[in-house]
PDB file of N, CA and C in Angstrom:
ATOM      1  N   MET A   1       0.814  -1.179  -0.010  1.00  0.00           N
ATOM      2  CA  MET A   1      -0.029   0.020   0.005  1.00  0.00           C
ATOM      3  C   MET A   1       0.838   1.327   0.010  1.00  0.00           C
ATOM      4  N   ASP A   2       2.070   1.168   0.606  1.00  0.00           N
ATOM      5  CA  ASP A   2       2.930   2.320   0.549  1.00  0.00           C
ATOM      6  C   ASP A   2       3.244   2.809  -0.824  1.00  0.00           C
ATOM      7  N   HIS A   3       3.454   1.917  -1.766  1.00  0.00           N
ATOM      8  CA  HIS A   3       3.793   2.254  -3.125  1.00  0.00           C
ATOM      9  C   HIS A   3       2.589   2.961  -3.779  1.00  0.00           C
ATOM     10  N   GLU A   4       1.398   2.436  -3.577  1.00  0.00           N
ATOM     11  CA  GLU A   4       0.219   3.073  -4.125  1.00  0.00           C
ATOM     12  C   GLU A   4       0.010   4.505  -3.519  1.00  0.00           C
ATOM     13  N   ARG A   5       0.243   4.631  -2.225  1.00  0.00           N
ATOM     14  CA  ARG A   5       0.006   5.882  -1.544  1.00  0.00           C
ATOM     15  C   ARG A   5       0.897   6.947  -2.123  1.00  0.00           C
ATOM     16  N   ILE A   6       2.162   6.658  -2.313  1.00  0.00           N
ATOM     17  CA  ILE A   6       3.089   7.667  -2.811  1.00  0.00           C
ATOM     18  C   ILE A   6       2.779   8.086  -4.242  1.00  0.00           C
ATOM     19  N   ILE A   7       2.232   7.140  -5.022  1.00  0.00           N
ATOM     20  CA  ILE A   7       1.812   7.477  -6.446  1.00  0.00           C
ATOM     21  C   ILE A   7       0.559   8.355  -6.330  1.00  0.00           C
ATOM     22  N   TYR A   8      -0.377   8.085  -5.446  1.00  0.00           N
ATOM     23  CA  TYR A   8      -1.550   8.935  -5.298  1.00  0.00           C
ATOM     24  C   TYR A   8      -1.135  10.361  -4.855  1.00  0.00           C
ATOM     25  N   ILE A   9      -0.155  10.442  -3.975  1.00  0.00           N
ATOM     26  CA  ILE A   9       0.274  11.746  -3.513  1.00  0.00           C
ATOM     27  C   ILE A   9       0.924  12.530  -4.652  1.00  0.00           C
ATOM     28  N   TYR A  10       1.808  11.804  -5.485  1.00  0.00           N
ATOM     29  CA  TYR A  10       2.440  12.461  -6.601  1.00  0.00           C
ATOM     30  C   TYR A  10       1.356  12.943  -7.618  1.00  0.00           C
ATOM     31  N   ASP A  11       0.368  12.087  -7.841  1.00  0.00           N
ATOM     32  CA  ASP A  11      -0.648  12.418  -8.808  1.00  0.00           C
ATOM     33  C   ASP A  11      -1.441  13.650  -8.357  1.00  0.00           C
ATOM     34  N   TYR A  12      -1.779  13.675  -7.115  1.00  0.00           N
ATOM     35  CA  TYR A  12      -2.535  14.776  -6.493  1.00  0.00           C
ATOM     36  C   TYR A  12      -1.713  16.082  -6.629  1.00  0.00           C
ATOM     37  N   LEU A  13      -0.459  16.073  -6.273  1.00  0.00           N
ATOM     38  CA  LEU A  13       0.367  17.235  -6.368  1.00  0.00           C
ATOM     39  C   LEU A  13       0.515  17.693  -7.800  1.00  0.00           C
ATOM     40  N   SER A  14       0.688  16.732  -8.761  1.00  0.00           N
ATOM     41  CA  SER A  14       0.814  17.116 -10.129  1.00  0.00           C
ATOM     42  C   SER A  14      -0.413  17.733 -10.727  1.00  0.00           C
ATOM     43  N   ARG A  15      -1.503  17.389 -10.268  1.00  0.00           N
ATOM     44  CA  ARG A  15      -2.837  17.883 -10.743  1.00  0.00           C
ATOM     45  C   ARG A  15      -3.242  19.250 -10.129  1.00  0.00           C
ATOM     46  N   TYR A  16      -2.951  19.373  -8.830  1.00  0.00           N
ATOM     47  CA  TYR A  16      -3.513  20.479  -8.107  1.00  0.00           C
ATOM     48  C   TYR A  16      -2.531  21.533  -7.589  1.00  0.00           C
ATOM     49  N   THR A  17      -1.243  21.336  -7.837  1.00  0.00           N
ATOM     50  CA  THR A  17      -0.285  22.341  -7.349  1.00  0.00           C
ATOM     51  C   THR A  17       0.609  22.803  -8.475  1.00  0.00           C
ATOM     52  N   ASP A  18       1.114  23.971  -8.290  1.00  0.00           N
ATOM     53  CA  ASP A  18       2.126  24.589  -9.156  1.00  0.00           C
ATOM     54  C   ASP A  18       2.790  25.793  -8.452  1.00  0.00           C
ATOM     55  N   GLU A  19       3.405  26.644  -9.161  1.00  0.00           N
ATOM     56  CA  GLU A  19       4.093  27.826  -8.521  1.00  0.00           C
ATOM     57  C   GLU A  19       3.153  28.686  -7.754  1.00  0.00           C
ATOM     58  N   ASN A  20       1.877  28.674  -8.116  1.00  0.00           N
ATOM     59  CA  ASN A  20       0.940  29.586  -7.502  1.00  0.00           C
ATOM     60  C   ASN A  20      -0.117  28.880  -6.602  1.00  0.00           C
ATOM     61  N   HIS A  21      -0.122  27.578  -6.570  1.00  0.00           N
ATOM     62  CA  HIS A  21      -1.097  26.834  -5.800  1.00  0.00           C
ATOM     63  C   HIS A  21      -0.372  25.709  -5.034  1.00  0.00           C
ATOM     64  N   ASP A  22      -0.694  25.631  -3.692  1.00  0.00           N
ATOM     65  CA  ASP A  22      -0.079  24.608  -2.919  1.00  0.00           C
ATOM     66  C   ASP A  22      -1.121  23.992  -2.026  1.00  0.00           C
ATOM     67  N   VAL A  23      -0.827  22.908  -1.368  1.00  0.00           N
ATOM     68  CA  VAL A  23      -1.759  22.167  -0.527  1.00  0.00           C
ATOM     69  C   VAL A  23      -1.124  21.811   0.784  1.00  0.00           C
ATOM     70  N   SER A  24      -1.989  21.668   1.777  1.00  0.00           N
ATOM     71  CA  SER A  24      -1.490  21.268   3.153  1.00  0.00           C
ATOM     72  C   SER A  24      -1.503  19.730   3.307  1.00  0.00           C
ATOM     73  N   ILE A  25      -0.913  19.309   4.331  1.00  0.00           N
ATOM     74  CA  ILE A  25      -0.950  17.850   4.708  1.00  0.00           C
ATOM     75  C   ILE A  25      -2.412  17.387   4.859  1.00  0.00           C
ATOM     76  N   SER A  26      -3.254  18.187   5.520  1.00  0.00           N
ATOM     77  CA  SER A  26      -4.660  17.811   5.728  1.00  0.00           C
ATOM     78  C   SER A  26      -5.386  17.730   4.468  1.00  0.00           C
ATOM     79  N   GLN A  27      -5.117  18.531   3.451  1.00  0.00           N
ATOM     80  CA  GLN A  27      -5.705  18.426   2.150  1.00  0.00           C
ATOM     81  C   GLN A  27      -5.286  17.143   1.477  1.00  0.00           C
ATOM     82  N   ILE A  28      -4.043  16.787   1.522  1.00  0.00           N
ATOM     83  CA  ILE A  28      -3.560  15.524   1.031  1.00  0.00           C
ATOM     84  C   ILE A  28      -4.237  14.337   1.720  1.00  0.00           C
ATOM     85  N   GLN A  29      -4.403  14.394   3.035  1.00  0.00           N
ATOM     86  CA  GLN A  29      -5.061  13.339   3.789  1.00  0.00           C
ATOM     87  C   GLN A  29      -6.526  13.196   3.321  1.00  0.00           C
ATOM     88  N   GLU A  30      -7.179  14.308   3.121  1.00  0.00           N
ATOM     89  CA  GLU A  30      -8.580  14.331   2.657  1.00  0.00           C
ATOM     90  C   GLU A  30      -8.676  13.667   1.287  1.00  0.00           C
ATOM     91  N   HIS A  31      -7.744  14.043   0.402  1.00  0.00           N
ATOM     92  CA  HIS A  31      -7.762  13.409  -0.969  1.00  0.00           C
ATOM     93  C   HIS A  31      -7.497  11.896  -0.854  1.00  0.00           C
ATOM     94  N   LEU A  32      -6.568  11.496  -0.055  1.00  0.00           N
ATOM     95  CA  LEU A  32      -6.300  10.058   0.068  1.00  0.00           C
ATOM     96  C   LEU A  32      -7.504   9.306   0.601  1.00  0.00           C
ATOM     97  N   ALA A  33      -8.199   9.918   1.591  1.00  0.00           N
ATOM     98  CA  ALA A  33      -9.408   9.282   2.159  1.00  0.00           C
ATOM     99  C   ALA A  33     -10.556   9.208   1.199  1.00  0.00           C
ATOM    100  N   ASN A  34     -10.809  10.357   0.503  1.00  0.00           N
ATOM    101  CA  ASN A  34     -11.999  10.438  -0.405  1.00  0.00           C
ATOM    102  C   ASN A  34     -11.796   9.738  -1.698  1.00  0.00           C
ATOM    103  N   ALA A  35     -10.689   9.979  -2.379  1.00  0.00           N
ATOM    104  CA  ALA A  35     -10.498   9.494  -3.702  1.00  0.00           C
ATOM    105  C   ALA A  35      -9.829   8.161  -3.796  1.00  0.00           C
ATOM    106  N   CYS A  36      -9.045   7.739  -2.779  1.00  0.00           N
ATOM    107  CA  CYS A  36      -8.290   6.501  -2.790  1.00  0.00           C
ATOM    108  C   CYS A  36      -8.659   5.500  -1.684  1.00  0.00           C
ATOM    109  N   ASN A  37      -9.567   5.900  -0.845  1.00  0.00           N
ATOM    110  CA  ASN A  37     -10.036   5.059   0.321  1.00  0.00           C
ATOM    111  C   ASN A  37      -8.855   4.687   1.226  1.00  0.00           C
ATOM    112  N   LEU A  38      -7.920   5.611   1.353  1.00  0.00           N
ATOM    113  CA  LEU A  38      -6.835   5.437   2.311  1.00  0.00           C
ATOM    114  C   LEU A  38      -7.058   6.359   3.469  1.00  0.00           C
ATOM    115  N   THR A  39      -7.656   5.817   4.505  1.00  0.00           N
ATOM    116  CA  THR A  39      -8.033   6.629   5.636  1.00  0.00           C
ATOM    117  C   THR A  39      -6.917   6.498   6.733  1.00  0.00           C
ATOM    118  N   ARG A  40      -6.890   7.451   7.599  1.00  0.00           N
ATOM    119  CA  ARG A  40      -5.990   7.483   8.767  1.00  0.00           C
ATOM    120  C   ARG A  40      -4.506   7.466   8.407  1.00  0.00           C
ATOM    121  N   VAL A  41      -4.154   8.131   7.329  1.00  0.00           N
ATOM    122  CA  VAL A  41      -2.703   8.255   7.003  1.00  0.00           C
ATOM    123  C   VAL A  41      -2.110   9.384   7.822  1.00  0.00           C
ATOM    124  N   LYS A  42      -1.161   9.028   8.626  1.00  0.00           N
ATOM    125  CA  LYS A  42      -0.584  10.011   9.590  1.00  0.00           C
ATOM    126  C   LYS A  42       0.199  11.128   8.869  1.00  0.00           C
ATOM    127  N   ASN A  43       0.235  12.248   9.557  1.00  0.00           N
ATOM    128  CA  ASN A  43       1.001  13.406   9.008  1.00  0.00           C
ATOM    129  C   ASN A  43       2.432  13.072   8.706  1.00  0.00           C
ATOM    130  N   VAL A  44       3.095  12.374   9.604  1.00  0.00           N
ATOM    131  CA  VAL A  44       4.492  11.998   9.463  1.00  0.00           C
ATOM    132  C   VAL A  44       4.672  11.094   8.311  1.00  0.00           C
ATOM    133  N   THR A  45       3.730  10.259   7.992  1.00  0.00           N
ATOM    134  CA  THR A  45       3.805   9.346   6.849  1.00  0.00           C
ATOM    135  C   THR A  45       3.792  10.159   5.571  1.00  0.00           C
ATOM    136  N   ILE A  46       2.926  11.111   5.482  1.00  0.00           N
ATOM    137  CA  ILE A  46       2.841  12.000   4.265  1.00  0.00           C
ATOM    138  C   ILE A  46       4.075  12.799   4.104  1.00  0.00           C
ATOM    139  N   ARG A  47       4.577  13.333   5.230  1.00  0.00           N
ATOM    140  CA  ARG A  47       5.860  14.085   5.092  1.00  0.00           C
ATOM    141  C   ARG A  47       7.020  13.203   4.663  1.00  0.00           C
ATOM    142  N   ARG A  48       7.042  11.969   5.168  1.00  0.00           N
ATOM    143  CA  ARG A  48       8.079  11.048   4.709  1.00  0.00           C
ATOM    144  C   ARG A  48       7.926  10.752   3.195  1.00  0.00           C
ATOM    145  N   ASP A  49       6.705  10.535   2.726  1.00  0.00           N
ATOM    146  CA  ASP A  49       6.454  10.322   1.313  1.00  0.00           C
ATOM    147  C   ASP A  49       6.890  11.540   0.496  1.00  0.00           C
ATOM    148  N   LEU A  50       6.595  12.742   0.955  1.00  0.00           N
ATOM    149  CA  LEU A  50       7.039  13.935   0.286  1.00  0.00           C
ATOM    150  C   LEU A  50       8.567  14.041   0.213  1.00  0.00           C
ATOM    151  N   ASP A  51       9.227  13.644   1.283  1.00  0.00           N
ATOM    152  CA  ASP A  51      10.683  13.561   1.299  1.00  0.00           C
ATOM    153  C   ASP A  51      11.201  12.582   0.269  1.00  0.00           C
ATOM    154  N   ARG A  52      10.551  11.438   0.199  1.00  0.00           N
ATOM    155  CA  ARG A  52      10.967  10.351  -0.762  1.00  0.00           C
ATOM    156  C   ARG A  52      10.776  10.908  -2.192  1.00  0.00           C
ATOM    157  N   LEU A  53       9.665  11.551  -2.471  1.00  0.00           N
ATOM    158  CA  LEU A  53       9.443  12.092  -3.794  1.00  0.00           C
ATOM    159  C   LEU A  53      10.510  13.122  -4.106  1.00  0.00           C
ATOM    160  N   THR A  54      10.901  13.951  -3.179  1.00  0.00           N
ATOM    161  CA  THR A  54      11.913  14.910  -3.411  1.00  0.00           C
ATOM    162  C   THR A  54      13.270  14.276  -3.680  1.00  0.00           C
ATOM    163  N   ALA A  55      13.541  13.222  -2.894  1.00  0.00           N
ATOM    164  CA  ALA A  55      14.843  12.474  -3.072  1.00  0.00           C
ATOM    165  C   ALA A  55      14.877  11.807  -4.420  1.00  0.00           C
ATOM    166  N   MET A  56      13.682  11.482  -5.023  1.00  0.00           N
ATOM    167  CA  MET A  56      13.621  10.870  -6.305  1.00  0.00           C
ATOM    168  C   MET A  56      13.862  11.909  -7.454  1.00  0.00           C
ATOM    169  N   GLY A  57      14.075  13.163  -7.084  1.00  0.00           N
ATOM    170  CA  GLY A  57      14.361  14.178  -8.106  1.00  0.00           C
ATOM    171  C   GLY A  57      13.184  15.075  -8.436  1.00  0.00           C
ATOM    172  N   ASN A  58      12.067  14.972  -7.734  1.00  0.00           N
ATOM    173  CA  ASN A  58      10.942  15.855  -7.949  1.00  0.00           C
ATOM    174  C   ASN A  58      11.138  17.151  -7.190  1.00  0.00           C
ATOM    175  N   HIS A  59      10.815  18.230  -7.780  1.00  0.00           N
ATOM    176  CA  HIS A  59      10.971  19.584  -7.137  1.00  0.00           C
ATOM    177  C   HIS A  59       9.717  19.963  -6.354  1.00  0.00           C
ATOM    178  N   ILE A  60       9.732  19.591  -5.112  1.00  0.00           N
ATOM    179  CA  ILE A  60       8.581  19.881  -4.189  1.00  0.00           C
ATOM    180  C   ILE A  60       9.044  20.970  -3.245  1.00  0.00           C
ATOM    181  N   VAL A  61       8.280  22.072  -3.228  1.00  0.00           N
ATOM    182  CA  VAL A  61       8.620  23.160  -2.381  1.00  0.00           C
ATOM    183  C   VAL A  61       7.660  23.220  -1.203  1.00  0.00           C
ATOM    184  N   LYS A  62       8.166  23.697  -0.077  1.00  0.00           N
ATOM    185  CA  LYS A  62       7.341  23.802   1.166  1.00  0.00           C
ATOM    186  C   LYS A  62       7.312  25.321   1.515  1.00  0.00           C
ATOM    187  N   HIS A  63       6.100  25.795   1.819  1.00  0.00           N
ATOM    188  CA  HIS A  63       5.935  27.143   2.279  1.00  0.00           C
ATOM    189  C   HIS A  63       5.231  27.028   3.689  1.00  0.00           C
ATOM    190  N   ASN A  64       5.698  27.803   4.588  1.00  0.00           N
ATOM    191  CA  ASN A  64       5.010  27.924   5.948  1.00  0.00           C
ATOM    192  C   ASN A  64       4.149  29.161   5.929  1.00  0.00           C
ATOM    193  N   ARG A  65       2.881  28.965   6.352  1.00  0.00           N
ATOM    194  CA  ARG A  65       1.932  30.084   6.378  1.00  0.00           C
ATOM    195  C   ARG A  65       1.408  30.246   7.768  1.00  0.00           C
ATOM    196  N   GLU A  66       0.201  30.811   7.921  1.00  0.00           N
ATOM    197  CA  GLU A  66      -0.410  31.078   9.182  1.00  0.00           C
ATOM    198  C   GLU A  66      -0.366  29.858  10.114  1.00  0.00           C
ATOM    199  N   HIS A  67      -0.148  30.125  11.369  1.00  0.00           N
ATOM    200  CA  HIS A  67      -0.082  29.134  12.441  1.00  0.00           C
ATOM    201  C   HIS A  67       1.009  28.107  12.123  1.00  0.00           C
ATOM    202  N   ASN A  68       2.050  28.530  11.370  1.00  0.00           N
ATOM    203  CA  ASN A  68       3.125  27.657  11.000  1.00  0.00           C
ATOM    204  C   ASN A  68       2.718  26.356  10.273  1.00  0.00           C
ATOM    205  N   THR A  69       1.599  26.501   9.510  1.00  0.00           N
ATOM    206  CA  THR A  69       1.122  25.336   8.739  1.00  0.00           C
ATOM    207  C   THR A  69       1.921  25.232   7.434  1.00  0.00           C
ATOM    208  N   ALA A  70       2.400  24.036   7.140  1.00  0.00           N
ATOM    209  CA  ALA A  70       3.202  23.794   5.939  1.00  0.00           C
ATOM    210  C   ALA A  70       2.296  23.500   4.744  1.00  0.00           C
ATOM    211  N   TYR A  71       2.632  24.105   3.633  1.00  0.00           N
ATOM    212  CA  TYR A  71       2.001  23.879   2.351  1.00  0.00           C
ATOM    213  C   TYR A  71       2.938  23.458   1.321  1.00  0.00           C
ATOM    214  N   TYR A  72       2.626  22.580   0.470  1.00  0.00           N
ATOM    215  CA  TYR A  72       3.574  21.916  -0.485  1.00  0.00           C
ATOM    216  C   TYR A  72       3.044  22.072  -1.902  1.00  0.00           C
ATOM    217  N   ALA A  73       4.021  22.174  -2.847  1.00  0.00           N
ATOM    218  CA  ALA A  73       3.656  22.255  -4.249  1.00  0.00           C
ATOM    219  C   ALA A  73       4.745  21.547  -5.040  1.00  0.00           C
ATOM    220  N   LEU A  74       4.266  20.875  -6.098  1.00  0.00           N
ATOM    221  CA  LEU A  74       5.200  20.155  -7.008  1.00  0.00           C
ATOM    222  C   LEU A  74       5.455  21.180  -8.182  1.00  0.00           C
ATOM    223  N   ILE A  75       6.678  21.512  -8.409  1.00  0.00           N
ATOM    224  CA  ILE A  75       7.083  22.464  -9.445  1.00  0.00           C
ATOM    225  C   ILE A  75       7.789  21.706 -10.547  1.00  0.00           C
ATOM    226  N   ASP A  76       7.537  22.081 -11.774  1.00  0.00           N
ATOM    227  CA  ASP A  76       8.118  21.377 -12.924  1.00  0.00           C
ATOM    228  C   ASP A  76       7.870  19.876 -12.901  1.00  0.00           C
ATOM    229  N   ASN A  77       6.643  19.520 -12.828  1.00  0.00           N
ATOM    230  CA  ASN A  77       6.282  18.091 -12.750  1.00  0.00           C
ATOM    231  C   ASN A  77       6.201  17.474 -14.151  1.00  0.00           C
ATOM    232  N   GLY A  78       7.373  17.289 -14.726  1.00  0.00           N
ATOM    233  CA  GLY A  78       7.482  16.747 -16.049  1.00  0.00           C
ATOM    234  C   GLY A  78       7.389  15.280 -16.033  1.00  0.00           C
ATOM    235  N   PHE A  79       7.347  14.682 -17.198  1.00  0.00           N
ATOM    236  CA  PHE A  79       7.214  13.310 -17.430  1.00  0.00           C
ATOM    237  C   PHE A  79       8.326  12.500 -16.700  1.00  0.00           C
ATOM    238  N   SER A  80       9.521  13.014 -16.611  1.00  0.00           N
ATOM    239  CA  SER A  80      10.621  12.373 -16.013  1.00  0.00           C
ATOM    240  C   SER A  80      10.324  12.033 -14.518  1.00  0.00           C
ATOM    241  N   GLY A  81       9.598  12.921 -13.854  1.00  0.00           N
ATOM    242  CA  GLY A  81       9.235  12.700 -12.474  1.00  0.00           C
ATOM    243  C   GLY A  81       8.414  11.446 -12.308  1.00  0.00           C
ATOM    244  N   VAL A  82       7.450  11.251 -13.154  1.00  0.00           N
ATOM    245  CA  VAL A  82       6.606  10.072 -13.100  1.00  0.00           C
ATOM    246  C   VAL A  82       7.427   8.845 -13.386  1.00  0.00           C
ATOM    247  N   ILE A  83       8.307   8.869 -14.362  1.00  0.00           N
ATOM    248  CA  ILE A  83       9.225   7.727 -14.618  1.00  0.00           C
ATOM    249  C   ILE A  83      10.035   7.399 -13.401  1.00  0.00           C
ATOM    250  N   THR A  84      10.604   8.422 -12.819  1.00  0.00           N
ATOM    251  CA  THR A  84      11.458   8.198 -11.581  1.00  0.00           C
ATOM    252  C   THR A  84      10.667   7.516 -10.515  1.00  0.00           C
ATOM    253  N   VAL A  85       9.471   7.994 -10.210  1.00  0.00           N
ATOM    254  CA  VAL A  85       8.614   7.376  -9.230  1.00  0.00           C
ATOM    255  C   VAL A  85       8.312   5.901  -9.566  1.00  0.00           C
ATOM    256  N   TYR A  86       7.903   5.740 -10.805  1.00  0.00           N
ATOM    257  CA  TYR A  86       7.497   4.361 -11.276  1.00  0.00           C
ATOM    258  C   TYR A  86       8.645   3.350 -11.168  1.00  0.00           C
ATOM    259  N   TRP A  87       9.834   3.683 -11.725  1.00  0.00           N
ATOM    260  CA  TRP A  87      10.984   2.797 -11.717  1.00  0.00           C
ATOM    261  C   TRP A  87      11.510   2.543 -10.325  1.00  0.00           C
ATOM    262  N   THR A  88      11.537   3.569  -9.520  1.00  0.00           N
ATOM    263  CA  THR A  88      11.990   3.387  -8.134  1.00  0.00           C
ATOM    264  C   THR A  88      11.093   2.379  -7.408  1.00  0.00           C
ATOM    265  N   MET A  89       9.809   2.529  -7.606  1.00  0.00           N
ATOM    266  CA  MET A  89       8.881   1.611  -6.978  1.00  0.00           C
ATOM    267  C   MET A  89       9.055   0.182  -7.465  1.00  0.00           C
ATOM    268  N   ILE A  90       9.273   0.037  -8.712  1.00  0.00           N
ATOM    269  CA  ILE A  90       9.472  -1.331  -9.317  1.00  0.00           C
ATOM    270  C   ILE A  90      10.749  -1.920  -8.701  1.00  0.00           C
ATOM    271  N   ILE A  91      11.814  -1.185  -8.707  1.00  0.00           N
ATOM    272  CA  ILE A  91      13.118  -1.684  -8.187  1.00  0.00           C
ATOM    273  C   ILE A  91      13.027  -1.971  -6.720  1.00  0.00           C
ATOM    274  N   ASN A  92      12.361  -1.149  -5.905  1.00  0.00           N
ATOM    275  CA  ASN A  92      12.247  -1.395  -4.459  1.00  0.00           C
ATOM    276  C   ASN A  92      11.402  -2.584  -4.259  1.00  0.00           C
ATOM    277  N   HIS A  93      10.348  -2.785  -4.984  1.00  0.00           N
ATOM    278  CA  HIS A  93       9.439  -3.944  -4.874  1.00  0.00           C
ATOM    279  C   HIS A  93      10.206  -5.229  -5.209  1.00  0.00           C
ATOM    280  N   ALA A  94      11.004  -5.183  -6.264  1.00  0.00           N
ATOM    281  CA  ALA A  94      11.747  -6.365  -6.695  1.00  0.00           C
ATOM    282  C   ALA A  94      12.816  -6.789  -5.633  1.00  0.00           C
ATOM    283  N   LEU A  95      13.360  -5.761  -4.961  1.00  0.00           N
ATOM    284  CA  LEU A  95      14.405  -6.061  -3.953  1.00  0.00           C
ATOM    285  C   LEU A  95      13.840  -6.621  -2.665  1.00  0.00           C
ATOM    286  N   HIS A  96      12.605  -6.449  -2.430  1.00  0.00           N
ATOM    287  CA  HIS A  96      12.012  -6.918  -1.179  1.00  0.00           C
ATOM    288  C   HIS A  96      11.203  -8.125  -1.401  1.00  0.00           C
TER     289      HIS A  96
END
């Protein structure tokens, strides 16, 4: 389920964020619950997935706003980012 979740997060960011639009962890949680039937995903899990996506070469920016709430956006979400996520998941799955 971890592999599916990170793909859902990537897809959500690629569809709904850019240089001018960002989303909070709670918005990502809501999307995972409603669209993907993934309920009770912890904040730390989503932050870890965002870190993994960044480590895979995706340009994810973080902005802190009111009440020190973090908002995230995927910038330059080209085709190579999807390929990176996909192949990394295949390789990790094959190794385990």
